[in-house]
Amino acid sequence: MTSFRVEAKVSVTNLLKAVRQLSLPEMESFIHQVIALQAQRKSPSLPQAEAELLLKINRGLPPSLRTRYAELILSLNHYLW
């Protein structure tokens, strides 16, 4: 990994000069990190309780319930046909 000495205040011009010295993979990694930082700043943060609920929702159903759900859907399809 390439290292640079960075002073406390860096102008955009100097930062770009440093970025020019990166290898292509390092530059791509840097760009991804900058984009992630930008997204963090733009997106509103959720209250902790809401974030936890969204994690639970996105986890989906446990395997046993998914199996039962699939069985019910198959039963319904047979019934309708």
PDB file of N, CA and C in Angstrom:
ATOM      1  N   MET A   1       0.854  -1.175   0.000  1.00  0.00           N
ATOM      2  CA  MET A   1       0.000   0.000   0.000  1.00  0.00           C
ATOM      3  C   MET A   1       0.899   1.236   0.000  1.00  0.00           C
ATOM      4  N   THR A   2       0.539   2.206  -0.812  1.00  0.00           N
ATOM      5  CA  THR A   2       1.293   3.440  -0.889  1.00  0.00           C
ATOM      6  C   THR A   2       0.928   4.335   0.280  1.00  0.00           C
ATOM      7  N   SER A   3       1.924   4.976   0.864  1.00  0.00           N
ATOM      8  CA  SER A   3       1.684   5.896   1.977  1.00  0.00           C
ATOM      9  C   SER A   3       2.098   7.298   1.576  1.00  0.00           C
ATOM     10  N   PHE A   4       1.383   8.263   2.121  1.00  0.00           N
ATOM     11  CA  PHE A   4       1.668   9.665   1.868  1.00  0.00           C
ATOM     12  C   PHE A   4       1.696  10.395   3.188  1.00  0.00           C
ATOM     13  N   ARG A   5       2.557  11.367   3.250  1.00  0.00           N
ATOM     14  CA  ARG A   5       2.569  12.238   4.419  1.00  0.00           C
ATOM     15  C   ARG A   5       1.555  13.331   4.143  1.00  0.00           C
ATOM     16  N   VAL A   6       0.582  13.466   5.018  1.00  0.00           N
ATOM     17  CA  VAL A   6      -0.482  14.443   4.834  1.00  0.00           C
ATOM     18  C   VAL A   6      -0.461  15.410   5.990  1.00  0.00           C
ATOM     19  N   GLU A   7      -0.477  16.677   5.702  1.00  0.00           N
ATOM     20  CA  GLU A   7      -0.531  17.695   6.747  1.00  0.00           C
ATOM     21  C   GLU A   7      -1.973  17.911   7.162  1.00  0.00           C
ATOM     22  N   ALA A   8      -2.168  18.631   8.245  1.00  0.00           N
ATOM     23  CA  ALA A   8      -3.504  18.817   8.801  1.00  0.00           C
ATOM     24  C   ALA A   8      -4.466  19.467   7.810  1.00  0.00           C
ATOM     25  N   LYS A   9      -3.992  20.444   7.057  1.00  0.00           N
ATOM     26  CA  LYS A   9      -4.855  21.103   6.085  1.00  0.00           C
ATOM     27  C   LYS A   9      -4.328  20.780   4.698  1.00  0.00           C
ATOM     28  N   VAL A  10      -5.157  20.114   3.907  1.00  0.00           N
ATOM     29  CA  VAL A  10      -4.747  19.704   2.567  1.00  0.00           C
ATOM     30  C   VAL A  10      -5.718  20.333   1.578  1.00  0.00           C
ATOM     31  N   SER A  11      -5.187  21.017   0.611  1.00  0.00           N
ATOM     32  CA  SER A  11      -6.052  21.601  -0.410  1.00  0.00           C
ATOM     33  C   SER A  11      -6.524  20.494  -1.346  1.00  0.00           C
ATOM     34  N   VAL A  12      -7.589  20.748  -2.045  1.00  0.00           N
ATOM     35  CA  VAL A  12      -8.103  19.784  -3.012  1.00  0.00           C
ATOM     36  C   VAL A  12      -7.037  19.506  -4.071  1.00  0.00           C
ATOM     37  N   THR A  13      -6.329  20.538  -4.491  1.00  0.00           N
ATOM     38  CA  THR A  13      -5.275  20.363  -5.495  1.00  0.00           C
ATOM     39  C   THR A  13      -4.203  19.402  -4.998  1.00  0.00           C
ATOM     40  N   ASN A  14      -3.766  19.576  -3.755  1.00  0.00           N
ATOM     41  CA  ASN A  14      -2.748  18.692  -3.201  1.00  0.00           C
ATOM     42  C   ASN A  14      -3.277  17.273  -2.994  1.00  0.00           C
ATOM     43  N   LEU A  15      -4.521  17.180  -2.607  1.00  0.00           N
ATOM     44  CA  LEU A  15      -5.115  15.864  -2.444  1.00  0.00           C
ATOM     45  C   LEU A  15      -5.161  15.136  -3.789  1.00  0.00           C
ATOM     46  N   LEU A  16      -5.547  15.841  -4.849  1.00  0.00           N
ATOM     47  CA  LEU A  16      -5.568  15.233  -6.176  1.00  0.00           C
ATOM     48  C   LEU A  16      -4.169  14.826  -6.632  1.00  0.00           C
ATOM     49  N   LYS A  17      -3.173  15.624  -6.280  1.00  0.00           N
ATOM     50  CA  LYS A  17      -1.788  15.255  -6.620  1.00  0.00           C
ATOM     51  C   LYS A  17      -1.425  13.934  -5.947  1.00  0.00           C
ATOM     52  N   ALA A  18      -1.834  13.767  -4.707  1.00  0.00           N
ATOM     53  CA  ALA A  18      -1.554  12.524  -3.985  1.00  0.00           C
ATOM     54  C   ALA A  18      -2.313  11.352  -4.607  1.00  0.00           C
ATOM     55  N   VAL A  19      -3.559  11.586  -4.988  1.00  0.00           N
ATOM     56  CA  VAL A  19      -4.366  10.525  -5.594  1.00  0.00           C
ATOM     57  C   VAL A  19      -3.764  10.083  -6.923  1.00  0.00           C
ATOM     58  N   ARG A  20      -3.193  11.001  -7.673  1.00  0.00           N
ATOM     59  CA  ARG A  20      -2.562  10.664  -8.951  1.00  0.00           C
ATOM     60  C   ARG A  20      -1.425   9.662  -8.782  1.00  0.00           C
ATOM     61  N   GLN A  21      -0.827   9.639  -7.597  1.00  0.00           N
ATOM     62  CA  GLN A  21       0.297   8.743  -7.346  1.00  0.00           C
ATOM     63  C   GLN A  21      -0.136   7.319  -6.992  1.00  0.00           C
ATOM     64  N   LEU A  22      -1.432   7.118  -6.760  1.00  0.00           N
ATOM     65  CA  LEU A  22      -1.929   5.789  -6.396  1.00  0.00           C
ATOM     66  C   LEU A  22      -1.921   4.860  -7.600  1.00  0.00           C
ATOM     67  N   SER A  23      -1.754   3.572  -7.324  1.00  0.00           N
ATOM     68  CA  SER A  23      -1.929   2.580  -8.386  1.00  0.00           C
ATOM     69  C   SER A  23      -3.421   2.526  -8.715  1.00  0.00           C
ATOM     70  N   LEU A  24      -3.764   1.938  -9.824  1.00  0.00           N
ATOM     71  CA  LEU A  24      -5.166   1.877 -10.223  1.00  0.00           C
ATOM     72  C   LEU A  24      -6.031   1.169  -9.170  1.00  0.00           C
ATOM     73  N   PRO A  25      -5.629   0.006  -8.648  1.00  0.00           N
ATOM     74  CA  PRO A  25      -6.456  -0.628  -7.607  1.00  0.00           C
ATOM     75  C   PRO A  25      -6.593   0.243  -6.356  1.00  0.00           C
ATOM     76  N   GLU A  26      -5.517   0.914  -5.960  1.00  0.00           N
ATOM     77  CA  GLU A  26      -5.598   1.796  -4.790  1.00  0.00           C
ATOM     78  C   GLU A  26      -6.520   2.974  -5.067  1.00  0.00           C
ATOM     79  N   MET A  27      -6.443   3.517  -6.278  1.00  0.00           N
ATOM     80  CA  MET A  27      -7.312   4.640  -6.631  1.00  0.00           C
ATOM     81  C   MET A  27      -8.775   4.211  -6.630  1.00  0.00           C
ATOM     82  N   GLU A  28      -9.056   3.029  -7.180  1.00  0.00           N
ATOM     83  CA  GLU A  28     -10.437   2.540  -7.193  1.00  0.00           C
ATOM     84  C   GLU A  28     -10.954   2.335  -5.781  1.00  0.00           C
ATOM     85  N   SER A  29     -10.109   1.791  -4.909  1.00  0.00           N
ATOM     86  CA  SER A  29     -10.500   1.608  -3.513  1.00  0.00           C
ATOM     87  C   SER A  29     -10.768   2.957  -2.847  1.00  0.00           C
ATOM     88  N   PHE A  30      -9.910   3.925  -3.107  1.00  0.00           N
ATOM     89  CA  PHE A  30     -10.078   5.274  -2.562  1.00  0.00           C
ATOM     90  C   PHE A  30     -11.388   5.886  -3.038  1.00  0.00           C
ATOM     91  N   ILE A  31     -11.669   5.735  -4.320  1.00  0.00           N
ATOM     92  CA  ILE A  31     -12.904   6.296  -4.890  1.00  0.00           C
ATOM     93  C   ILE A  31     -14.121   5.663  -4.233  1.00  0.00           C
ATOM     94  N   HIS A  32     -14.105   4.332  -4.062  1.00  0.00           N
ATOM     95  CA  HIS A  32     -15.235   3.659  -3.410  1.00  0.00           C
ATOM     96  C   HIS A  32     -15.429   4.179  -1.986  1.00  0.00           C
ATOM     97  N   GLN A  33     -14.323   4.412  -1.294  1.00  0.00           N
ATOM     98  CA  GLN A  33     -14.428   4.917   0.080  1.00  0.00           C
ATOM     99  C   GLN A  33     -14.979   6.341   0.104  1.00  0.00           C
ATOM    100  N   VAL A  34     -14.575   7.164  -0.851  1.00  0.00           N
ATOM    101  CA  VAL A  34     -15.081   8.539  -0.923  1.00  0.00           C
ATOM    102  C   VAL A  34     -16.581   8.525  -1.233  1.00  0.00           C
ATOM    103  N   ILE A  35     -16.997   7.652  -2.156  1.00  0.00           N
ATOM    104  CA  ILE A  35     -18.421   7.556  -2.491  1.00  0.00           C
ATOM    105  C   ILE A  35     -19.224   7.080  -1.280  1.00  0.00           C
ATOM    106  N   ALA A  36     -18.684   6.128  -0.530  1.00  0.00           N
ATOM    107  CA  ALA A  36     -19.366   5.662   0.683  1.00  0.00           C
ATOM    108  C   ALA A  36     -19.485   6.785   1.703  1.00  0.00           C
ATOM    109  N   LEU A  37     -18.424   7.559   1.850  1.00  0.00           N
ATOM    110  CA  LEU A  37     -18.454   8.696   2.761  1.00  0.00           C
ATOM    111  C   LEU A  37     -19.504   9.717   2.335  1.00  0.00           C
ATOM    112  N   GLN A  38     -19.574   9.973   1.043  1.00  0.00           N
ATOM    113  CA  GLN A  38     -20.571  10.901   0.510  1.00  0.00           C
ATOM    114  C   GLN A  38     -21.982  10.386   0.795  1.00  0.00           C
ATOM    115  N   ALA A  39     -22.211   9.108   0.584  1.00  0.00           N
ATOM    116  CA  ALA A  39     -23.538   8.530   0.836  1.00  0.00           C
ATOM    117  C   ALA A  39     -23.905   8.646   2.311  1.00  0.00           C
ATOM    118  N   GLN A  40     -22.930   8.415   3.193  1.00  0.00           N
ATOM    119  CA  GLN A  40     -23.174   8.550   4.632  1.00  0.00           C
ATOM    120  C   GLN A  40     -23.619   9.959   4.977  1.00  0.00           C
ATOM    121  N   ARG A  41     -22.959  10.924   4.399  1.00  0.00           N
ATOM    122  CA  ARG A  41     -23.283  12.321   4.720  1.00  0.00           C
ATOM    123  C   ARG A  41     -24.632  12.736   4.154  1.00  0.00           C
ATOM    124  N   LYS A  42     -24.999  12.184   3.007  1.00  0.00           N
ATOM    125  CA  LYS A  42     -26.261  12.557   2.368  1.00  0.00           C
ATOM    126  C   LYS A  42     -27.462  11.873   2.997  1.00  0.00           C
ATOM    127  N   SER A  43     -27.279  10.639   3.428  1.00  0.00           N
ATOM    128  CA  SER A  43     -28.433   9.891   3.917  1.00  0.00           C
ATOM    129  C   SER A  43     -28.711  10.233   5.371  1.00  0.00           C
ATOM    130  N   PRO A  44     -29.979  10.348   5.683  1.00  0.00           N
ATOM    131  CA  PRO A  44     -30.324  10.613   7.078  1.00  0.00           C
ATOM    132  C   PRO A  44     -30.078   9.348   7.900  1.00  0.00           C
ATOM    133  N   SER A  45     -29.695   9.512   9.125  1.00  0.00           N
ATOM    134  CA  SER A  45     -29.478   8.344   9.973  1.00  0.00           C
ATOM    135  C   SER A  45     -30.781   7.996  10.677  1.00  0.00           C
ATOM    136  N   LEU A  46     -30.980   6.712  10.886  1.00  0.00           N
ATOM    137  CA  LEU A  46     -32.199   6.242  11.525  1.00  0.00           C
ATOM    138  C   LEU A  46     -32.010   6.170  13.028  1.00  0.00           C
ATOM    139  N   PRO A  47     -33.096   6.363  13.759  1.00  0.00           N
ATOM    140  CA  PRO A  47     -33.022   6.109  15.200  1.00  0.00           C
ATOM    141  C   PRO A  47     -32.672   4.635  15.427  1.00  0.00           C
ATOM    142  N   GLN A  48     -32.017   4.315  16.517  1.00  0.00           N
ATOM    143  CA  GLN A  48     -31.540   2.956  16.791  1.00  0.00           C
ATOM    144  C   GLN A  48     -32.668   1.936  16.722  1.00  0.00           C
ATOM    145  N   ALA A  49     -33.811   2.237  17.341  1.00  0.00           N
ATOM    146  CA  ALA A  49     -34.921   1.279  17.364  1.00  0.00           C
ATOM    147  C   ALA A  49     -35.409   0.985  15.951  1.00  0.00           C
ATOM    148  N   GLU A  50     -35.505   2.009  15.121  1.00  0.00           N
ATOM    149  CA  GLU A  50     -35.961   1.819  13.744  1.00  0.00           C
ATOM    150  C   GLU A  50     -34.945   1.011  12.939  1.00  0.00           C
ATOM    151  N   ALA A  51     -33.674   1.282  13.147  1.00  0.00           N
ATOM    152  CA  ALA A  51     -32.623   0.534  12.452  1.00  0.00           C
ATOM    153  C   ALA A  51     -32.678  -0.948  12.826  1.00  0.00           C
ATOM    154  N   GLU A  52     -32.903  -1.235  14.103  1.00  0.00           N
ATOM    155  CA  GLU A  52     -32.996  -2.626  14.550  1.00  0.00           C
ATOM    156  C   GLU A  52     -34.208  -3.325  13.944  1.00  0.00           C
ATOM    157  N   LEU A  53     -35.332  -2.620  13.858  1.00  0.00           N
ATOM    158  CA  LEU A  53     -36.522  -3.209  13.245  1.00  0.00           C
ATOM    159  C   LEU A  53     -36.287  -3.508  11.767  1.00  0.00           C
ATOM    160  N   LEU A  54     -35.635  -2.603  11.065  1.00  0.00           N
ATOM    161  CA  LEU A  54     -35.344  -2.839   9.656  1.00  0.00           C
ATOM    162  C   LEU A  54     -34.419  -4.034   9.468  1.00  0.00           C
ATOM    163  N   LEU A  55     -33.465  -4.208  10.363  1.00  0.00           N
ATOM    164  CA  LEU A  55     -32.595  -5.384  10.293  1.00  0.00           C
ATOM    165  C   LEU A  55     -33.402  -6.666  10.460  1.00  0.00           C
ATOM    166  N   LYS A  56     -34.336  -6.662  11.408  1.00  0.00           N
ATOM    167  CA  LYS A  56     -35.182  -7.842  11.616  1.00  0.00           C
ATOM    168  C   LYS A  56     -36.037  -8.125  10.381  1.00  0.00           C
ATOM    169  N   ILE A  57     -36.622  -7.088   9.813  1.00  0.00           N
ATOM    170  CA  ILE A  57     -37.468  -7.253   8.628  1.00  0.00           C
ATOM    171  C   ILE A  57     -36.659  -7.823   7.476  1.00  0.00           C
ATOM    172  N   ASN A  58     -35.468  -7.289   7.267  1.00  0.00           N
ATOM    173  CA  ASN A  58     -34.652  -7.709   6.132  1.00  0.00           C
ATOM    174  C   ASN A  58     -34.025  -9.085   6.320  1.00  0.00           C
ATOM    175  N   ARG A  59     -34.017  -9.599   7.535  1.00  0.00           N
ATOM    176  CA  ARG A  59     -33.507 -10.949   7.781  1.00  0.00           C
ATOM    177  C   ARG A  59     -34.420 -11.988   7.144  1.00  0.00           C
ATOM    178  N   GLY A  60     -35.691 -11.676   7.044  1.00  0.00           N
ATOM    179  CA  GLY A  60     -36.634 -12.623   6.458  1.00  0.00           C
ATOM    180  C   GLY A  60     -37.138 -13.629   7.476  1.00  0.00           C
ATOM    181  N   LEU A  61     -37.906 -14.565   6.953  1.00  0.00           N
ATOM    182  CA  LEU A  61     -38.496 -15.586   7.806  1.00  0.00           C
ATOM    183  C   LEU A  61     -37.481 -16.668   8.137  1.00  0.00           C
ATOM    184  N   PRO A  62     -37.642 -17.294   9.306  1.00  0.00           N
ATOM    185  CA  PRO A  62     -36.785 -18.439   9.610  1.00  0.00           C
ATOM    186  C   PRO A  62     -37.104 -19.591   8.651  1.00  0.00           C
ATOM    187  N   PRO A  63     -36.164 -20.510   8.450  1.00  0.00           N
ATOM    188  CA  PRO A  63     -36.361 -21.601   7.481  1.00  0.00           C
ATOM    189  C   PRO A  63     -37.643 -22.391   7.684  1.00  0.00           C
ATOM    190  N   SER A  64     -38.019 -22.676   8.924  1.00  0.00           N
ATOM    191  CA  SER A  64     -39.232 -23.468   9.167  1.00  0.00           C
ATOM    192  C   SER A  64     -40.477 -22.735   8.656  1.00  0.00           C
ATOM    193  N   LEU A  65     -40.537 -21.432   8.864  1.00  0.00           N
ATOM    194  CA  LEU A  65     -41.688 -20.676   8.379  1.00  0.00           C
ATOM    195  C   LEU A  65     -41.665 -20.542   6.859  1.00  0.00           C
ATOM    196  N   ARG A  66     -40.461 -20.412   6.287  1.00  0.00           N
ATOM    197  CA  ARG A  66     -40.363 -20.343   4.824  1.00  0.00           C
ATOM    198  C   ARG A  66     -40.868 -21.635   4.192  1.00  0.00           C
ATOM    199  N   THR A  67     -40.516 -22.750   4.805  1.00  0.00           N
ATOM    200  CA  THR A  67     -40.967 -24.053   4.301  1.00  0.00           C
ATOM    201  C   THR A  67     -42.480 -24.140   4.377  1.00  0.00           C
ATOM    202  N   ARG A  68     -43.034 -23.777   5.520  1.00  0.00           N
ATOM    203  CA  ARG A  68     -44.501 -23.836   5.689  1.00  0.00           C
ATOM    204  C   ARG A  68     -45.191 -22.893   4.716  1.00  0.00           C
ATOM    205  N   TYR A  69     -44.641 -21.721   4.515  1.00  0.00           N
ATOM    206  CA  TYR A  69     -45.205 -20.752   3.570  1.00  0.00           C
ATOM    207  C   TYR A  69     -45.215 -21.341   2.165  1.00  0.00           C
ATOM    208  N   ALA A  70     -44.127 -21.972   1.762  1.00  0.00           N
ATOM    209  CA  ALA A  70     -44.043 -22.586   0.436  1.00  0.00           C
ATOM    210  C   ALA A  70     -45.090 -23.689   0.298  1.00  0.00           C
ATOM    211  N   GLU A  71     -45.266 -24.480   1.363  1.00  0.00           N
ATOM    212  CA  GLU A  71     -46.282 -25.537   1.335  1.00  0.00           C
ATOM    213  C   GLU A  71     -47.676 -24.948   1.149  1.00  0.00           C
ATOM    214  N   LEU A  72     -47.968 -23.877   1.842  1.00  0.00           N
ATOM    215  CA  LEU A  72     -49.284 -23.235   1.724  1.00  0.00           C
ATOM    216  C   LEU A  72     -49.503 -22.664   0.331  1.00  0.00           C
ATOM    217  N   ILE A  73     -48.468 -22.091  -0.252  1.00  0.00           N
ATOM    218  CA  ILE A  73     -48.585 -21.547  -1.611  1.00  0.00           C
ATOM    219  C   ILE A  73     -48.858 -22.673  -2.595  1.00  0.00           C
ATOM    220  N   LEU A  74     -48.153 -23.801  -2.457  1.00  0.00           N
ATOM    221  CA  LEU A  74     -48.400 -24.954  -3.340  1.00  0.00           C
ATOM    222  C   LEU A  74     -49.821 -25.469  -3.182  1.00  0.00           C
ATOM    223  N   SER A  75     -50.286 -25.538  -1.938  1.00  0.00           N
ATOM    224  CA  SER A  75     -51.668 -25.997  -1.692  1.00  0.00           C
ATOM    225  C   SER A  75     -52.658 -25.063  -2.353  1.00  0.00           C
ATOM    226  N   LEU A  76     -52.426 -23.787  -2.236  1.00  0.00           N
ATOM    227  CA  LEU A  76     -53.316 -22.805  -2.830  1.00  0.00           C
ATOM    228  C   LEU A  76     -53.313 -22.918  -4.341  1.00  0.00           C
ATOM    229  N   ASN A  77     -52.127 -23.097  -4.938  1.00  0.00           N
ATOM    230  CA  ASN A  77     -52.033 -23.239  -6.393  1.00  0.00           C
ATOM    231  C   ASN A  77     -52.792 -24.479  -6.877  1.00  0.00           C
ATOM    232  N   HIS A  78     -52.677 -25.600  -6.143  1.00  0.00           N
ATOM    233  CA  HIS A  78     -53.407 -26.805  -6.522  1.00  0.00           C
ATOM    234  C   HIS A  78     -54.905 -26.586  -6.407  1.00  0.00           C
ATOM    235  N   TYR A  79     -55.297 -25.867  -5.400  1.00  0.00           N
ATOM    236  CA  TYR A  79     -56.711 -25.585  -5.179  1.00  0.00           C
ATOM    237  C   TYR A  79     -57.286 -24.721  -6.299  1.00  0.00           C
ATOM    238  N   LEU A  80     -56.508 -23.719  -6.740  1.00  0.00           N
ATOM    239  CA  LEU A  80     -56.979 -22.803  -7.770  1.00  0.00           C
ATOM    240  C   LEU A  80     -57.001 -23.429  -9.154  1.00  0.00           C
ATOM    241  N   TRP A  81     -56.173 -24.438  -9.377  1.00  0.00           N
ATOM    242  CA  TRP A  81     -56.120 -25.057 -10.709  1.00  0.00           C
ATOM    243  C   TRP A  81     -57.067 -26.193 -10.719  1.00  0.00           C
TER     244      TRP A  81
END
